[in-house]
N, C-alpha and C. Protein backbone atom coordinates (compact mmCIF):
# COMPACT_ATOMS: atom_id res chain seq x y z
N MET A 1 46.34 24.99 -11.59
CA MET A 1 44.83 25.16 -11.56
C MET A 1 44.23 24.11 -10.54
N THR A 2 43.38 24.83 -9.86
CA THR A 2 42.77 24.04 -8.61
C THR A 2 41.25 23.40 -9.49
N SER A 3 41.05 21.98 -8.65
CA SER A 3 40.02 21.27 -9.32
C SER A 3 38.96 21.54 -8.06
N VAL A 4 37.67 21.79 -8.52
CA VAL A 4 36.78 21.89 -7.43
C VAL A 4 35.96 20.39 -7.45
N ILE A 5 35.66 19.84 -6.46
CA ILE A 5 34.96 18.40 -6.30
C ILE A 5 34.02 18.76 -5.15
N ASP A 6 32.76 18.15 -5.81
CA ASP A 6 31.55 18.10 -4.69
C ASP A 6 31.78 17.16 -3.83
N THR A 7 31.80 17.33 -2.44
CA THR A 7 32.23 16.28 -1.44
C THR A 7 30.86 15.28 -0.83
N HIS A 8 29.65 15.65 -1.48
CA HIS A 8 28.71 15.10 -0.85
C HIS A 8 27.36 15.13 -1.78
N VAL A 9 27.39 14.10 -2.63
CA VAL A 9 26.11 14.16 -3.61
C VAL A 9 25.36 12.82 -3.43
N HIS A 10 24.25 12.85 -3.60
CA HIS A 10 23.31 11.72 -3.69
C HIS A 10 22.55 11.48 -4.91
N VAL A 11 22.80 10.40 -5.42
CA VAL A 11 22.23 10.07 -6.92
C VAL A 11 21.17 9.19 -6.68
N VAL A 12 20.19 9.11 -7.73
CA VAL A 12 18.95 8.27 -7.55
C VAL A 12 18.69 7.88 -9.08
N ALA A 13 18.57 6.56 -9.08
CA ALA A 13 18.30 5.98 -10.45
C ALA A 13 16.96 6.30 -11.22
N ASP A 14 16.84 6.35 -12.25
CA ASP A 14 15.41 6.50 -13.01
C ASP A 14 14.95 5.16 -13.32
N ASP A 15 15.63 4.19 -12.98
CA ASP A 15 15.27 2.78 -13.18
C ASP A 15 14.84 2.04 -11.88
N GLU A 16 13.55 2.31 -11.38
CA GLU A 16 13.30 1.62 -10.08
C GLU A 16 13.01 0.11 -10.17
N ALA A 17 12.90 -0.50 -11.26
CA ALA A 17 12.87 -1.83 -11.34
C ALA A 17 14.22 -2.52 -11.00
N SER A 18 15.34 -1.85 -11.30
CA SER A 18 16.58 -2.45 -11.08
C SER A 18 17.01 -1.84 -9.61
N TYR A 19 16.60 -0.58 -9.26
CA TYR A 19 17.02 0.02 -8.06
C TYR A 19 15.90 0.59 -7.35
N PRO A 20 15.34 -0.57 -6.86
CA PRO A 20 13.88 0.01 -5.86
C PRO A 20 14.09 0.77 -4.87
N LEU A 21 13.35 1.92 -4.72
CA LEU A 21 13.36 2.71 -3.50
C LEU A 21 13.06 1.97 -2.28
N ASN A 22 13.76 2.42 -1.12
CA ASN A 22 13.45 1.81 0.13
C ASN A 22 13.65 2.94 1.20
N PRO A 23 12.71 3.82 1.18
CA PRO A 23 12.86 4.94 2.03
C PRO A 23 13.04 4.69 3.54
N SER A 24 13.87 5.55 4.07
CA SER A 24 14.15 5.23 5.45
C SER A 24 13.20 5.98 6.36
N GLY A 25 12.66 7.07 5.91
CA GLY A 25 11.79 7.92 6.45
C GLY A 25 12.64 9.04 7.26
N ALA A 26 13.89 8.95 7.06
CA ALA A 26 14.73 10.02 7.86
C ALA A 26 14.59 11.63 7.13
N THR A 27 14.35 11.50 5.92
CA THR A 27 14.06 12.79 5.33
C THR A 27 12.66 12.94 4.67
N GLY A 28 12.48 13.98 3.96
CA GLY A 28 11.28 14.15 3.12
C GLY A 28 11.72 13.52 1.93
N PRO A 29 10.55 13.44 0.80
CA PRO A 29 10.75 12.72 -0.38
C PRO A 29 11.68 13.36 -1.49
N TRP A 30 12.72 13.99 -0.99
CA TRP A 30 13.54 14.81 -2.13
C TRP A 30 13.85 13.88 -3.04
N TYR A 31 13.89 12.71 -2.84
CA TYR A 31 14.34 11.52 -4.07
C TYR A 31 13.25 11.30 -5.14
N ARG A 32 12.11 11.86 -4.73
CA ARG A 32 10.97 11.83 -5.67
C ARG A 32 10.60 13.09 -6.34
N ASP A 33 10.71 14.13 -5.23
CA ASP A 33 10.49 15.73 -5.86
C ASP A 33 11.56 16.12 -6.73
N ASP A 34 12.93 15.86 -6.46
CA ASP A 34 13.92 16.30 -7.41
C ASP A 34 15.06 15.19 -7.49
N PRO A 35 14.84 13.97 -8.06
CA PRO A 35 15.87 12.88 -8.06
C PRO A 35 17.07 13.45 -9.11
N CYS A 36 18.11 13.01 -8.74
CA CYS A 36 19.24 13.37 -9.62
C CYS A 36 20.08 12.12 -10.01
N THR A 37 19.84 11.65 -11.22
CA THR A 37 20.61 10.45 -11.76
C THR A 37 22.22 10.82 -11.95
N LEU A 38 22.79 9.85 -12.19
CA LEU A 38 24.30 9.91 -12.63
C LEU A 38 24.34 10.88 -13.79
N GLU A 39 23.72 10.64 -14.68
CA GLU A 39 23.76 11.47 -15.98
C GLU A 39 23.37 12.91 -15.74
N ARG A 40 22.28 13.06 -15.13
CA ARG A 40 21.96 14.68 -14.56
C ARG A 40 23.11 15.21 -13.96
N LEU A 41 23.65 14.43 -13.00
CA LEU A 41 24.74 15.02 -12.06
C LEU A 41 26.01 15.59 -12.89
N LEU A 42 26.37 14.58 -13.81
CA LEU A 42 27.52 14.67 -14.69
C LEU A 42 27.19 16.01 -15.66
N GLY A 43 26.12 16.19 -16.09
CA GLY A 43 25.82 17.43 -16.86
C GLY A 43 26.04 18.75 -15.94
N LEU A 44 25.39 18.44 -14.79
CA LEU A 44 25.33 19.63 -13.85
C LEU A 44 26.77 20.07 -13.49
N LEU A 45 27.56 19.00 -13.19
CA LEU A 45 29.18 19.23 -12.91
C LEU A 45 29.74 19.88 -14.06
N GLY A 46 29.53 19.55 -15.34
CA GLY A 46 29.88 19.94 -16.57
C GLY A 46 29.68 21.51 -16.45
N ASP A 47 28.46 21.76 -16.35
CA ASP A 47 27.94 23.14 -16.49
C ASP A 47 28.53 24.00 -15.51
N HIS A 48 29.16 23.58 -14.58
CA HIS A 48 29.55 24.42 -13.42
C HIS A 48 31.02 24.41 -13.26
N ASP A 49 31.74 23.64 -14.20
CA ASP A 49 33.22 23.31 -13.99
C ASP A 49 33.78 22.77 -12.59
N VAL A 50 32.91 21.76 -12.28
CA VAL A 50 33.15 20.91 -11.16
C VAL A 50 33.73 19.83 -11.70
N ALA A 51 35.00 19.51 -11.15
CA ALA A 51 35.87 18.30 -11.65
C ALA A 51 35.16 16.94 -11.53
N GLY A 52 34.64 16.74 -10.19
CA GLY A 52 34.08 15.51 -9.89
C GLY A 52 33.27 15.66 -8.64
N ALA A 53 32.77 14.38 -8.19
CA ALA A 53 31.88 14.28 -7.04
C ALA A 53 32.20 13.02 -6.16
N VAL A 54 31.80 13.16 -5.01
CA VAL A 54 31.79 11.91 -4.02
C VAL A 54 30.41 11.55 -3.93
N LEU A 55 29.98 10.45 -4.27
CA LEU A 55 28.62 9.84 -4.18
C LEU A 55 28.47 9.24 -3.20
N VAL A 56 27.75 9.82 -2.12
CA VAL A 56 27.40 9.24 -0.96
C VAL A 56 26.01 8.47 -0.92
N GLN A 57 26.20 7.12 -0.29
CA GLN A 57 24.89 6.41 -0.20
C GLN A 57 23.71 7.34 0.12
N ALA A 58 22.47 7.30 -0.62
CA ALA A 58 21.34 7.86 -0.28
C ALA A 58 20.46 6.93 0.81
N ILE A 59 20.78 6.88 1.94
CA ILE A 59 20.01 6.10 2.88
C ILE A 59 18.48 6.51 2.96
N SER A 60 18.14 7.91 2.65
CA SER A 60 16.93 8.15 2.98
C SER A 60 16.14 7.66 1.63
N ALA A 61 16.82 7.36 0.60
CA ALA A 61 16.17 6.72 -0.64
C ALA A 61 16.07 5.42 -0.76
N TYR A 62 17.35 4.64 -0.42
CA TYR A 62 17.57 3.42 -0.75
C TYR A 62 17.87 2.59 0.76
N GLY A 63 17.79 3.08 1.83
CA GLY A 63 18.41 2.37 2.84
C GLY A 63 19.92 2.01 2.82
N TYR A 64 20.21 0.85 3.09
CA TYR A 64 21.38 0.35 2.92
C TYR A 64 21.85 -0.55 1.83
N ASP A 65 20.89 -0.25 0.74
CA ASP A 65 20.98 -0.99 -0.51
C ASP A 65 22.07 0.07 -1.33
N ASN A 66 23.29 -0.31 -1.45
CA ASN A 66 24.29 0.64 -1.97
C ASN A 66 24.45 0.42 -3.40
N ARG A 67 23.90 -0.39 -4.11
CA ARG A 67 24.07 -0.85 -5.35
C ARG A 67 24.26 0.36 -6.39
N TYR A 68 23.18 1.21 -6.24
CA TYR A 68 23.05 2.38 -7.49
C TYR A 68 24.55 3.47 -7.20
N THR A 69 24.74 3.57 -5.91
CA THR A 69 25.86 4.47 -5.73
C THR A 69 27.23 3.81 -6.14
N LEU A 70 27.26 2.55 -6.00
CA LEU A 70 28.45 1.75 -6.47
C LEU A 70 28.66 1.72 -7.89
N ASP A 71 27.43 1.52 -8.60
CA ASP A 71 27.23 1.35 -9.97
C ASP A 71 27.55 2.60 -10.79
N ALA A 72 26.84 3.73 -10.18
CA ALA A 72 26.95 4.94 -10.72
C ALA A 72 28.47 5.45 -10.82
N ALA A 73 29.17 5.31 -9.59
CA ALA A 73 30.60 5.57 -9.53
C ALA A 73 31.43 4.81 -10.59
N ALA A 74 31.09 3.69 -10.52
CA ALA A 74 31.91 2.65 -11.43
C ALA A 74 31.73 3.05 -13.11
N ARG A 75 30.65 3.62 -13.29
CA ARG A 75 30.27 4.00 -14.63
C ARG A 75 31.00 5.30 -14.88
N SER A 76 31.61 5.90 -13.85
CA SER A 76 32.14 7.36 -14.29
C SER A 76 33.20 7.32 -13.31
N PRO A 77 34.33 6.52 -13.54
CA PRO A 77 35.66 6.51 -12.67
C PRO A 77 36.37 7.59 -12.51
N GLY A 78 36.46 8.47 -13.67
CA GLY A 78 37.29 9.60 -13.72
C GLY A 78 36.67 10.66 -12.83
N ARG A 79 35.42 10.80 -12.87
CA ARG A 79 34.59 11.99 -12.19
C ARG A 79 34.03 11.70 -10.88
N CYS A 80 33.66 10.34 -10.46
CA CYS A 80 33.00 9.92 -9.25
C CYS A 80 33.72 9.09 -8.33
N THR A 81 33.60 9.06 -7.17
CA THR A 81 34.10 8.08 -6.13
C THR A 81 32.80 7.82 -5.24
N PRO A 82 32.67 6.41 -4.86
CA PRO A 82 31.60 6.25 -3.91
C PRO A 82 32.02 6.03 -2.54
N VAL A 83 30.89 6.49 -1.63
CA VAL A 83 30.97 6.38 -0.24
C VAL A 83 29.69 5.41 0.07
N ALA A 84 29.86 4.38 0.53
CA ALA A 84 28.86 3.53 0.82
C ALA A 84 28.37 3.56 2.47
N CYS A 85 27.31 2.74 2.76
CA CYS A 85 26.83 2.90 4.07
C CYS A 85 26.44 1.61 4.59
N PRO A 86 27.30 0.77 5.35
CA PRO A 86 26.83 -0.53 5.86
C PRO A 86 25.75 -0.21 6.84
N ASP A 87 24.98 -1.41 7.07
CA ASP A 87 23.81 -1.44 8.12
C ASP A 87 24.53 -1.86 9.38
N LEU A 88 24.77 -0.82 10.20
CA LEU A 88 25.27 -1.10 11.55
C LEU A 88 24.44 -2.09 12.52
N ALA A 89 23.11 -2.29 12.16
CA ALA A 89 22.36 -2.98 12.96
C ALA A 89 21.99 -4.23 12.34
N GLY A 90 22.71 -4.68 11.21
CA GLY A 90 22.59 -5.83 10.46
C GLY A 90 23.47 -6.90 11.23
N PRO A 91 23.44 -8.21 10.64
CA PRO A 91 24.06 -9.26 11.29
C PRO A 91 25.51 -9.15 11.44
N ASP A 92 26.24 -8.56 10.39
CA ASP A 92 27.68 -8.53 10.31
C ASP A 92 28.13 -7.30 9.64
N PRO A 93 27.98 -6.27 10.56
CA PRO A 93 28.57 -4.76 9.88
C PRO A 93 29.85 -4.76 9.53
N ALA A 94 30.90 -5.40 10.21
CA ALA A 94 32.30 -5.45 9.68
C ALA A 94 32.19 -6.01 8.32
N GLY A 95 31.79 -7.18 8.40
CA GLY A 95 31.73 -8.01 7.14
C GLY A 95 31.09 -7.16 5.98
N GLU A 96 30.20 -6.65 6.23
CA GLU A 96 29.30 -5.79 5.18
C GLU A 96 30.33 -4.66 4.65
N ALA A 97 30.86 -4.11 5.63
CA ALA A 97 31.87 -2.89 5.27
C ALA A 97 32.89 -3.50 4.35
N ALA A 98 33.50 -4.65 4.64
CA ALA A 98 34.36 -5.30 3.89
C ALA A 98 33.77 -5.64 2.55
N ARG A 99 32.86 -6.19 2.40
CA ARG A 99 32.25 -6.49 0.95
C ARG A 99 31.97 -5.27 0.29
N LEU A 100 31.58 -4.17 1.05
CA LEU A 100 31.39 -2.89 0.21
C LEU A 100 32.56 -2.38 -0.28
N VAL A 101 33.66 -2.46 0.36
CA VAL A 101 34.92 -1.98 0.00
C VAL A 101 35.44 -2.71 -1.30
N ALA A 102 35.24 -4.28 -1.17
CA ALA A 102 35.65 -5.03 -2.25
C ALA A 102 34.79 -4.69 -3.70
N ALA A 103 33.56 -4.30 -3.24
CA ALA A 103 32.66 -4.03 -4.30
C ALA A 103 33.01 -2.58 -5.03
N GLY A 104 33.98 -1.89 -4.51
CA GLY A 104 34.34 -0.69 -5.18
C GLY A 104 34.24 0.67 -4.10
N ALA A 105 33.71 0.56 -2.91
CA ALA A 105 33.61 1.74 -2.21
C ALA A 105 34.82 2.11 -1.79
N ARG A 106 34.92 3.58 -1.67
CA ARG A 106 36.16 4.12 -1.24
C ARG A 106 36.14 4.85 -0.16
N GLY A 107 35.06 4.82 0.45
CA GLY A 107 34.92 5.38 1.70
C GLY A 107 33.53 4.83 2.31
N LEU A 108 33.53 4.96 3.64
CA LEU A 108 32.33 4.31 4.38
C LEU A 108 31.60 5.26 5.34
N ARG A 109 30.26 5.43 5.38
CA ARG A 109 29.63 6.23 6.11
C ARG A 109 28.92 5.44 7.07
N TRP A 110 29.23 5.90 8.45
CA TRP A 110 28.51 5.27 9.47
C TRP A 110 27.30 5.90 10.05
N VAL A 111 26.19 5.36 9.75
CA VAL A 111 24.85 5.94 10.11
C VAL A 111 23.85 5.05 10.68
N ALA A 112 23.22 5.42 11.81
CA ALA A 112 22.37 4.75 12.57
C ALA A 112 20.88 5.29 12.33
N ILE A 113 19.88 4.39 11.98
CA ILE A 113 18.55 4.92 11.94
C ILE A 113 17.81 4.28 13.00
N HIS A 114 16.95 5.12 13.83
CA HIS A 114 16.17 4.38 14.86
C HIS A 114 14.71 4.93 14.73
N ASP A 115 13.89 4.76 15.59
CA ASP A 115 12.43 5.11 15.28
C ASP A 115 12.25 6.64 15.28
N GLY A 116 13.14 7.35 15.88
CA GLY A 116 13.04 8.88 15.82
C GLY A 116 13.79 9.37 14.69
N GLY A 117 14.49 8.60 13.71
CA GLY A 117 15.34 9.16 12.56
C GLY A 117 16.71 8.85 12.85
N LEU A 118 17.54 9.69 12.15
CA LEU A 118 19.08 9.55 12.24
C LEU A 118 19.56 9.80 13.50
N ARG A 119 20.80 9.30 13.87
CA ARG A 119 21.50 9.50 15.01
C ARG A 119 22.85 9.39 14.71
């Protein structure tokens, strides 16, 4: 039997106090218009017989604050795995990448945002 995995999903918390939005401006406000919490995602996966998902850091919603992506994946380890995004313009991108992996990231996404958007 073949398992279907969604390889690129962004999740957004419904708890802005714990996970404040920090929009990058790279996209429109999808994270406000149609946010998808981990709980909603798990329901959708179940409804469509999808075995799991790769949670990819939503930089357009949270910038480089990877906490919700990592926390959501940790709450559903049999169904989700996290891909984090270190800040390449930060003071220590390699150290941040190592910290993200130590915090549970199973993949890294390298993205640079500049005044004109993503590159």
